[in-house]
């Protein structure tokens, strides 16, 4: 069974409010999920934009989220490590944490992908999406995806 991931701020395939982009506060939206398999040891989340001119642009990497978590709150701080053990990776803005949509033109798609894993990931904070994808190989128990879209008004 796939994990169902949602946000209270935008629907599947809907427009992401400007507050969660470079045109607003550039804070992470709240995310919620259901359907995490019981044998999961941790969760990982990747948000990326495949429509970026240079190819896939990574907006958010966070891993070792406890498998008991049912979501992430709005405005996650860019901490390296959280009290619950979750760790932020590096986004393509070269920063820890969330970097919101900021497309140079047109409407882009943003994929929030959640992965349930049968291990905790042995990577340091600041690891990249590629590091995480490599570490997750063979350990994904289930996954889910939420797609949002964004188009800047002044571009």
N, C-alpha and C. Protein backbone atom coordinates (compact mmCIF):
# COMPACT_ATOMS: atom_id res chain seq x y z
N UNK A 1 0.84 -1.19 0.00
CA UNK A 1 0.00 0.00 0.00
C UNK A 1 0.88 1.25 0.00
N UNK A 2 0.52 2.22 -0.80
CA UNK A 2 1.28 3.47 -0.87
C UNK A 2 0.93 4.37 0.32
N UNK A 3 1.88 5.19 0.68
CA UNK A 3 1.67 6.18 1.72
C UNK A 3 0.88 7.33 1.09
N UNK A 4 -0.12 7.83 1.81
CA UNK A 4 -0.88 8.99 1.33
C UNK A 4 -0.32 10.22 2.03
N UNK A 5 0.24 11.14 1.23
CA UNK A 5 0.81 12.37 1.77
C UNK A 5 -0.02 13.56 1.28
N UNK A 6 -0.34 14.46 2.20
CA UNK A 6 -1.16 15.63 1.89
C UNK A 6 -0.60 16.85 2.59
N UNK A 7 -1.12 18.01 2.21
CA UNK A 7 -0.82 19.26 2.90
C UNK A 7 -2.14 19.99 3.13
N UNK A 8 -2.29 20.62 4.29
CA UNK A 8 -3.51 21.41 4.50
C UNK A 8 -3.54 22.69 3.67
N UNK A 9 -2.45 22.99 2.97
CA UNK A 9 -2.34 24.26 2.26
C UNK A 9 -2.48 24.17 0.75
N UNK A 10 -2.38 22.97 0.19
CA UNK A 10 -2.62 22.81 -1.25
C UNK A 10 -3.00 21.35 -1.52
N UNK A 11 -3.80 21.19 -2.57
CA UNK A 11 -4.27 19.86 -2.96
C UNK A 11 -3.29 19.20 -3.91
N UNK A 12 -3.44 17.89 -4.08
CA UNK A 12 -2.65 17.14 -5.06
C UNK A 12 -2.79 17.83 -6.43
N UNK A 13 -1.66 18.23 -7.01
CA UNK A 13 -1.65 18.89 -8.31
C UNK A 13 -2.03 20.35 -8.27
N UNK A 14 -2.34 20.87 -7.07
CA UNK A 14 -2.78 22.25 -6.93
C UNK A 14 -1.62 23.23 -6.83
N UNK A 15 -1.99 24.50 -6.78
CA UNK A 15 -0.99 25.56 -6.68
C UNK A 15 -0.53 25.73 -5.23
N UNK A 16 0.77 25.83 -5.05
CA UNK A 16 1.37 26.06 -3.74
C UNK A 16 1.21 27.54 -3.42
N UNK A 17 0.65 27.90 -2.25
CA UNK A 17 0.51 29.30 -1.89
C UNK A 17 1.86 30.02 -1.84
N UNK A 18 1.88 31.29 -2.24
CA UNK A 18 3.11 32.08 -2.32
C UNK A 18 3.87 32.13 -1.00
N UNK A 19 3.17 32.01 0.12
CA UNK A 19 3.82 32.05 1.44
C UNK A 19 4.94 31.02 1.56
N UNK A 20 4.83 29.90 0.83
CA UNK A 20 5.80 28.80 0.92
C UNK A 20 6.83 28.85 -0.20
N UNK A 21 7.00 30.03 -0.79
CA UNK A 21 7.90 30.21 -1.93
C UNK A 21 8.81 31.42 -1.69
N UNK A 22 9.72 31.66 -2.64
CA UNK A 22 10.61 32.81 -2.54
C UNK A 22 9.86 34.13 -2.66
N UNK A 23 8.62 34.10 -3.14
CA UNK A 23 7.81 35.31 -3.24
C UNK A 23 7.08 35.63 -1.94
N UNK A 24 7.17 34.75 -0.96
CA UNK A 24 6.53 34.95 0.34
C UNK A 24 7.53 34.78 1.45
N UNK A 25 7.14 34.06 2.50
CA UNK A 25 8.00 33.84 3.66
C UNK A 25 9.04 32.76 3.43
N UNK A 26 8.89 31.98 2.35
CA UNK A 26 9.82 30.90 2.00
C UNK A 26 9.96 29.90 3.15
N UNK A 27 8.81 29.56 3.76
CA UNK A 27 8.80 28.58 4.84
C UNK A 27 8.20 27.27 4.31
N UNK A 28 8.53 26.18 4.98
CA UNK A 28 8.01 24.88 4.54
C UNK A 28 6.53 24.76 4.88
N UNK A 29 5.76 24.15 3.98
CA UNK A 29 4.35 23.89 4.29
C UNK A 29 4.24 22.70 5.24
N UNK A 30 3.16 22.66 6.00
CA UNK A 30 2.88 21.48 6.81
C UNK A 30 2.56 20.32 5.88
N UNK A 31 2.99 19.14 6.26
CA UNK A 31 2.70 17.91 5.51
C UNK A 31 2.15 16.88 6.48
N UNK A 32 1.23 16.06 5.99
CA UNK A 32 0.65 14.99 6.80
C UNK A 32 0.65 13.72 5.98
N UNK A 33 0.77 12.58 6.65
CA UNK A 33 0.73 11.31 5.92
C UNK A 33 0.08 10.22 6.76
N UNK A 34 -0.43 9.23 6.02
CA UNK A 34 -0.99 8.03 6.64
C UNK A 34 -0.53 6.84 5.82
N UNK A 35 -0.55 5.67 6.45
CA UNK A 35 -0.20 4.45 5.73
C UNK A 35 1.25 4.02 5.86
N UNK A 36 1.92 4.43 6.94
CA UNK A 36 3.31 4.00 7.15
C UNK A 36 3.29 2.54 7.61
N UNK A 37 3.97 1.65 6.91
CA UNK A 37 3.99 0.23 7.33
C UNK A 37 4.59 0.06 8.73
N UNK A 38 4.05 -0.91 9.47
CA UNK A 38 4.48 -1.15 10.86
C UNK A 38 5.95 -1.51 10.97
N UNK A 39 6.53 -2.14 9.95
CA UNK A 39 7.93 -2.55 10.03
C UNK A 39 8.91 -1.43 9.67
N UNK A 40 8.42 -0.21 9.49
CA UNK A 40 9.30 0.91 9.14
C UNK A 40 10.13 1.34 10.34
N UNK A 41 11.39 1.69 10.07
CA UNK A 41 12.30 2.15 11.13
C UNK A 41 12.48 3.67 11.08
N UNK A 42 12.34 4.27 9.89
CA UNK A 42 12.47 5.72 9.75
C UNK A 42 11.81 6.15 8.46
N UNK A 43 11.67 7.48 8.32
CA UNK A 43 11.10 8.08 7.12
C UNK A 43 12.08 9.09 6.55
N UNK A 44 11.98 9.30 5.25
CA UNK A 44 12.79 10.32 4.58
C UNK A 44 11.87 11.09 3.64
N UNK A 45 12.18 12.36 3.45
CA UNK A 45 11.39 13.20 2.55
C UNK A 45 12.33 13.96 1.62
N UNK A 46 11.97 13.96 0.35
CA UNK A 46 12.70 14.72 -0.66
C UNK A 46 11.68 15.56 -1.41
N UNK A 47 11.97 16.84 -1.60
CA UNK A 47 11.15 17.69 -2.46
C UNK A 47 12.04 18.20 -3.57
N UNK A 48 11.61 17.97 -4.81
CA UNK A 48 12.40 18.45 -5.94
C UNK A 48 11.51 18.93 -7.08
N UNK A 49 12.14 19.64 -8.00
CA UNK A 49 11.49 20.26 -9.16
C UNK A 49 12.17 19.74 -10.42
N UNK A 50 11.50 18.82 -11.15
CA UNK A 50 12.12 18.28 -12.37
C UNK A 50 12.03 19.24 -13.56
N UNK A 51 11.31 20.36 -13.39
CA UNK A 51 11.12 21.31 -14.50
C UNK A 51 12.16 22.42 -14.51
N UNK A 52 13.09 22.40 -13.59
CA UNK A 52 14.12 23.45 -13.51
C UNK A 52 14.98 23.43 -14.78
N UNK A 53 15.44 24.60 -15.22
CA UNK A 53 16.23 24.67 -16.46
C UNK A 53 17.48 23.78 -16.45
N UNK A 54 18.11 23.65 -15.29
CA UNK A 54 19.34 22.84 -15.21
C UNK A 54 19.04 21.37 -14.91
N UNK A 55 17.76 20.99 -14.94
CA UNK A 55 17.38 19.63 -14.57
C UNK A 55 16.81 19.63 -13.16
N UNK A 56 16.73 18.47 -12.56
CA UNK A 56 16.14 18.30 -11.24
C UNK A 56 16.76 19.26 -10.22
N UNK A 57 15.92 20.09 -9.57
CA UNK A 57 16.39 21.04 -8.55
C UNK A 57 15.83 20.59 -7.20
N UNK A 58 16.70 20.36 -6.24
CA UNK A 58 16.32 19.84 -4.93
C UNK A 58 15.99 20.99 -3.98
N UNK A 59 14.77 20.94 -3.42
CA UNK A 59 14.30 21.98 -2.51
C UNK A 59 14.34 21.58 -1.04
N UNK A 60 14.34 20.28 -0.77
CA UNK A 60 14.28 19.85 0.63
C UNK A 60 14.72 18.41 0.73
N UNK A 61 15.58 18.13 1.72
CA UNK A 61 16.00 16.76 2.05
C UNK A 61 15.98 16.66 3.58
N UNK A 62 15.19 15.73 4.08
CA UNK A 62 15.17 15.48 5.52
C UNK A 62 15.00 13.97 5.72
N UNK A 63 15.78 13.41 6.63
CA UNK A 63 15.77 11.96 6.81
C UNK A 63 15.89 11.61 8.29
N UNK A 64 15.70 10.32 8.58
CA UNK A 64 15.65 9.80 9.95
C UNK A 64 14.50 10.42 10.75
N UNK A 65 13.43 10.77 10.04
CA UNK A 65 12.20 11.16 10.71
C UNK A 65 11.67 9.89 11.38
N UNK A 66 11.26 9.96 12.65
CA UNK A 66 10.75 8.75 13.30
C UNK A 66 9.58 8.14 12.51
N UNK A 67 9.56 6.82 12.43
CA UNK A 67 8.51 6.13 11.69
C UNK A 67 7.13 6.34 12.31
N UNK A 68 7.09 6.78 13.56
CA UNK A 68 5.82 7.05 14.24
C UNK A 68 5.26 8.43 13.90
N UNK A 69 6.04 9.26 13.22
CA UNK A 69 5.58 10.61 12.87
C UNK A 69 4.43 10.52 11.87
N UNK A 70 3.50 11.45 12.00
CA UNK A 70 2.35 11.50 11.09
C UNK A 70 2.40 12.75 10.20
N UNK A 71 3.52 13.47 10.26
CA UNK A 71 3.66 14.65 9.43
C UNK A 71 4.79 15.54 9.90
N UNK A 72 4.93 16.66 9.22
CA UNK A 72 5.91 17.69 9.58
C UNK A 72 5.15 19.00 9.74
N UNK A 73 5.49 19.79 10.75
CA UNK A 73 4.78 21.05 10.95
C UNK A 73 5.21 22.10 9.93
N UNK A 74 4.39 23.11 9.81
CA UNK A 74 4.73 24.26 8.98
C UNK A 74 5.97 24.93 9.56
N UNK A 75 6.80 25.51 8.68
CA UNK A 75 7.97 26.30 9.06
C UNK A 75 8.98 25.49 9.87
N UNK A 76 9.41 24.38 9.30
CA UNK A 76 10.46 23.58 9.93
C UNK A 76 11.75 24.40 9.95
N UNK A 77 12.37 24.59 11.10
CA UNK A 77 13.62 25.35 11.14
C UNK A 77 14.74 24.57 10.44
N UNK A 78 15.78 25.27 9.97
CA UNK A 78 16.86 24.59 9.24
C UNK A 78 17.90 23.93 10.15
N UNK A 79 17.43 23.29 11.21
CA UNK A 79 18.34 22.61 12.15
C UNK A 79 19.10 21.50 11.43
N UNK A 80 20.33 21.27 11.88
CA UNK A 80 21.08 20.11 11.38
C UNK A 80 20.43 18.83 11.86
N UNK A 81 20.18 18.77 13.17
CA UNK A 81 19.59 17.58 13.79
C UNK A 81 18.48 18.05 14.73
N UNK A 82 17.38 17.31 14.74
CA UNK A 82 16.25 17.63 15.62
C UNK A 82 16.27 16.70 16.83
N UNK A 83 15.54 17.09 17.88
CA UNK A 83 15.48 16.28 19.11
C UNK A 83 15.03 14.85 18.83
N UNK A 84 14.16 14.67 17.82
CA UNK A 84 13.64 13.34 17.51
C UNK A 84 14.59 12.52 16.63
N UNK A 85 15.76 13.08 16.30
CA UNK A 85 16.76 12.38 15.51
C UNK A 85 16.75 12.69 14.03
N UNK A 86 15.71 13.38 13.54
CA UNK A 86 15.65 13.75 12.13
C UNK A 86 16.83 14.66 11.78
N UNK A 87 17.30 14.53 10.55
CA UNK A 87 18.45 15.32 10.08
C UNK A 87 18.11 15.99 8.75
N UNK A 88 18.53 17.22 8.63
CA UNK A 88 18.34 17.92 7.36
C UNK A 88 19.52 17.66 6.43
N UNK A 89 19.20 17.47 5.17
CA UNK A 89 20.21 17.41 4.13
C UNK A 89 20.36 18.77 3.49
N UNK A 90 21.22 18.82 2.50
CA UNK A 90 21.52 20.05 1.77
C UNK A 90 20.61 20.14 0.55
N UNK A 91 20.01 21.32 0.35
CA UNK A 91 19.21 21.52 -0.86
C UNK A 91 20.10 22.16 -1.95
N UNK A 92 19.54 22.36 -3.12
CA UNK A 92 20.36 22.91 -4.22
C UNK A 92 20.59 24.41 -4.11
N UNK A 93 20.04 25.05 -3.08
CA UNK A 93 20.39 26.43 -2.75
C UNK A 93 21.65 26.44 -1.88
N UNK A 94 22.20 25.22 -1.62
CA UNK A 94 23.39 25.00 -0.79
C UNK A 94 23.13 25.35 0.67
N UNK A 95 21.88 25.13 1.12
CA UNK A 95 21.49 25.40 2.49
C UNK A 95 20.83 24.18 3.10
N UNK A 96 20.87 24.08 4.42
CA UNK A 96 20.13 23.05 5.14
C UNK A 96 18.66 23.43 5.16
N UNK A 97 17.79 22.43 5.12
CA UNK A 97 16.37 22.67 5.27
C UNK A 97 15.67 22.97 3.97
N UNK A 98 14.52 23.60 4.10
CA UNK A 98 13.62 23.87 2.99
C UNK A 98 14.00 25.15 2.26
N UNK A 99 13.98 25.08 0.95
CA UNK A 99 14.10 26.25 0.08
C UNK A 99 12.91 26.21 -0.87
N UNK A 100 12.04 27.18 -0.78
CA UNK A 100 10.78 27.13 -1.52
C UNK A 100 10.91 27.32 -3.01
N UNK A 101 9.80 27.03 -3.71
CA UNK A 101 9.75 27.24 -5.15
C UNK A 101 10.11 28.67 -5.53
N UNK A 102 10.86 28.79 -6.62
CA UNK A 102 11.29 30.11 -7.12
C UNK A 102 11.61 29.96 -8.61
N UNK A 103 10.64 29.46 -9.40
CA UNK A 103 10.95 29.17 -10.79
C UNK A 103 11.29 30.44 -11.59
N UNK A 104 12.26 30.35 -12.49
CA UNK A 104 12.66 31.51 -13.28
C UNK A 104 11.63 31.89 -14.35
N UNK A 105 10.70 31.00 -14.61
CA UNK A 105 9.66 31.29 -15.59
C UNK A 105 8.75 30.09 -15.75
N UNK A 106 7.50 30.33 -16.07
CA UNK A 106 6.56 29.25 -16.30
C UNK A 106 6.10 28.60 -15.00
N UNK A 107 5.23 27.61 -15.16
CA UNK A 107 4.72 26.85 -14.02
C UNK A 107 5.56 25.60 -13.84
N UNK A 108 6.07 25.41 -12.64
CA UNK A 108 6.89 24.24 -12.33
C UNK A 108 6.13 23.32 -11.40
N UNK A 109 6.51 22.04 -11.42
CA UNK A 109 5.94 21.03 -10.52
C UNK A 109 6.94 20.73 -9.41
N UNK A 110 6.40 20.54 -8.21
CA UNK A 110 7.22 20.25 -7.03
C UNK A 110 6.71 18.96 -6.42
N UNK A 111 7.60 17.95 -6.34
CA UNK A 111 7.24 16.63 -5.85
C UNK A 111 7.74 16.46 -4.43
N UNK A 112 6.81 16.31 -3.49
CA UNK A 112 7.13 16.01 -2.10
C UNK A 112 7.02 14.49 -1.97
N UNK A 113 8.16 13.81 -1.87
CA UNK A 113 8.19 12.35 -1.86
C UNK A 113 8.57 11.84 -0.48
N UNK A 114 7.71 10.99 0.08
CA UNK A 114 7.95 10.41 1.39
C UNK A 114 8.32 8.94 1.21
N UNK A 115 9.32 8.50 1.96
CA UNK A 115 9.79 7.12 1.89
C UNK A 115 9.79 6.51 3.29
N UNK A 116 9.17 5.34 3.43
CA UNK A 116 9.27 4.56 4.66
C UNK A 116 10.40 3.57 4.46
N UNK A 117 11.32 3.52 5.42
CA UNK A 117 12.54 2.71 5.30
C UNK A 117 12.62 1.66 6.40
N UNK A 118 13.31 0.57 6.10
CA UNK A 118 13.49 -0.48 7.11
C UNK A 118 14.78 -0.29 7.91
N UNK A 119 15.41 0.87 7.77
CA UNK A 119 16.63 1.21 8.51
C UNK A 119 16.58 2.70 8.89
N UNK A 120 17.48 3.10 9.78
CA UNK A 120 17.79 4.51 9.97
C UNK A 120 18.98 4.77 9.06
N UNK A 121 19.01 5.93 8.46
CA UNK A 121 20.05 6.28 7.50
C UNK A 121 21.30 6.75 8.24
N UNK A 122 22.43 6.14 7.91
CA UNK A 122 23.71 6.48 8.55
C UNK A 122 24.45 7.51 7.69
N UNK A 123 23.89 8.72 7.66
CA UNK A 123 24.52 9.83 6.93
C UNK A 123 24.54 11.05 7.85
N UNK A 124 25.52 11.91 7.68
CA UNK A 124 25.56 13.12 8.50
C UNK A 124 24.57 14.18 7.99
N UNK A 125 24.21 15.13 8.84
CA UNK A 125 23.42 16.27 8.35
C UNK A 125 24.19 16.94 7.21
N UNK A 126 23.45 17.54 6.29
CA UNK A 126 24.09 18.20 5.16
C UNK A 126 24.36 17.28 3.99
N UNK A 127 23.94 16.02 4.10
CA UNK A 127 24.08 15.09 2.97
C UNK A 127 23.15 15.52 1.84
N UNK A 128 23.49 15.14 0.63
CA UNK A 128 22.71 15.54 -0.54
C UNK A 128 21.61 14.52 -0.86
N UNK A 129 20.73 14.92 -1.75
CA UNK A 129 19.70 14.00 -2.24
C UNK A 129 20.34 12.74 -2.80
N UNK A 130 21.39 12.89 -3.60
CA UNK A 130 22.05 11.71 -4.18
C UNK A 130 22.61 10.78 -3.11
N UNK A 131 23.20 11.37 -2.06
CA UNK A 131 23.69 10.56 -0.94
C UNK A 131 22.54 9.76 -0.32
N UNK A 132 21.42 10.43 -0.10
CA UNK A 132 20.27 9.80 0.52
C UNK A 132 19.68 8.71 -0.37
N UNK A 133 19.52 9.00 -1.65
CA UNK A 133 18.97 8.01 -2.59
C UNK A 133 19.84 6.75 -2.60
N UNK A 134 21.15 6.93 -2.60
CA UNK A 134 22.07 5.79 -2.57
C UNK A 134 21.91 5.00 -1.27
N UNK A 135 21.82 5.70 -0.15
CA UNK A 135 21.69 5.03 1.15
C UNK A 135 20.35 4.30 1.30
N UNK A 136 19.32 4.78 0.63
CA UNK A 136 17.98 4.17 0.73
C UNK A 136 17.82 2.93 -0.15
N UNK A 137 18.71 2.75 -1.13
CA UNK A 137 18.57 1.62 -2.06
C UNK A 137 18.41 0.30 -1.33
N UNK A 138 17.35 -0.42 -1.70
CA UNK A 138 17.09 -1.72 -1.09
C UNK A 138 16.41 -1.65 0.27
N UNK A 139 16.11 -0.44 0.75
CA UNK A 139 15.53 -0.28 2.09
C UNK A 139 14.17 0.42 2.09
N UNK A 140 13.63 0.70 0.92
CA UNK A 140 12.33 1.39 0.84
C UNK A 140 11.21 0.37 1.01
N UNK A 141 10.43 0.54 2.07
CA UNK A 141 9.31 -0.35 2.39
C UNK A 141 8.05 0.13 1.66
N UNK A 142 7.88 1.45 1.60
CA UNK A 142 6.72 2.05 0.95
C UNK A 142 7.05 3.50 0.65
N UNK A 143 6.26 4.12 -0.24
CA UNK A 143 6.49 5.53 -0.55
C UNK A 143 5.19 6.19 -0.97
N UNK A 144 5.20 7.49 -0.98
CA UNK A 144 4.06 8.28 -1.41
C UNK A 144 4.55 9.59 -1.99
N UNK A 145 3.65 10.29 -2.68
CA UNK A 145 4.07 11.52 -3.37
C UNK A 145 2.92 12.51 -3.41
N UNK A 146 3.25 13.76 -3.14
CA UNK A 146 2.32 14.89 -3.26
C UNK A 146 2.95 15.87 -4.24
N UNK A 147 2.18 16.26 -5.25
CA UNK A 147 2.69 17.21 -6.24
C UNK A 147 1.97 18.54 -6.08
N UNK A 148 2.76 19.61 -6.02
CA UNK A 148 2.22 20.97 -6.04
C UNK A 148 2.83 21.70 -7.22
N UNK A 149 2.20 22.79 -7.61
CA UNK A 149 2.69 23.58 -8.72
C UNK A 149 2.87 25.04 -8.27
N UNK A 150 3.75 25.75 -8.97
CA UNK A 150 3.91 27.17 -8.66
C UNK A 150 4.38 27.93 -9.89
N UNK A 151 3.82 29.13 -10.05
CA UNK A 151 4.24 30.07 -11.11
C UNK A 151 4.37 31.43 -10.46
N UNK A 152 5.51 32.06 -10.65
CA UNK A 152 5.73 33.39 -10.08
C UNK A 152 4.91 34.42 -10.87
N UNK A 153 4.38 35.40 -10.15
CA UNK A 153 3.53 36.41 -10.77
C UNK A 153 4.32 37.46 -11.55
N UNK A 154 5.54 37.74 -11.09
CA UNK A 154 6.31 38.85 -11.68
C UNK A 154 7.42 38.38 -12.62
N UNK A 155 7.37 37.13 -13.06
CA UNK A 155 8.43 36.62 -13.93
C UNK A 155 7.84 36.28 -15.28
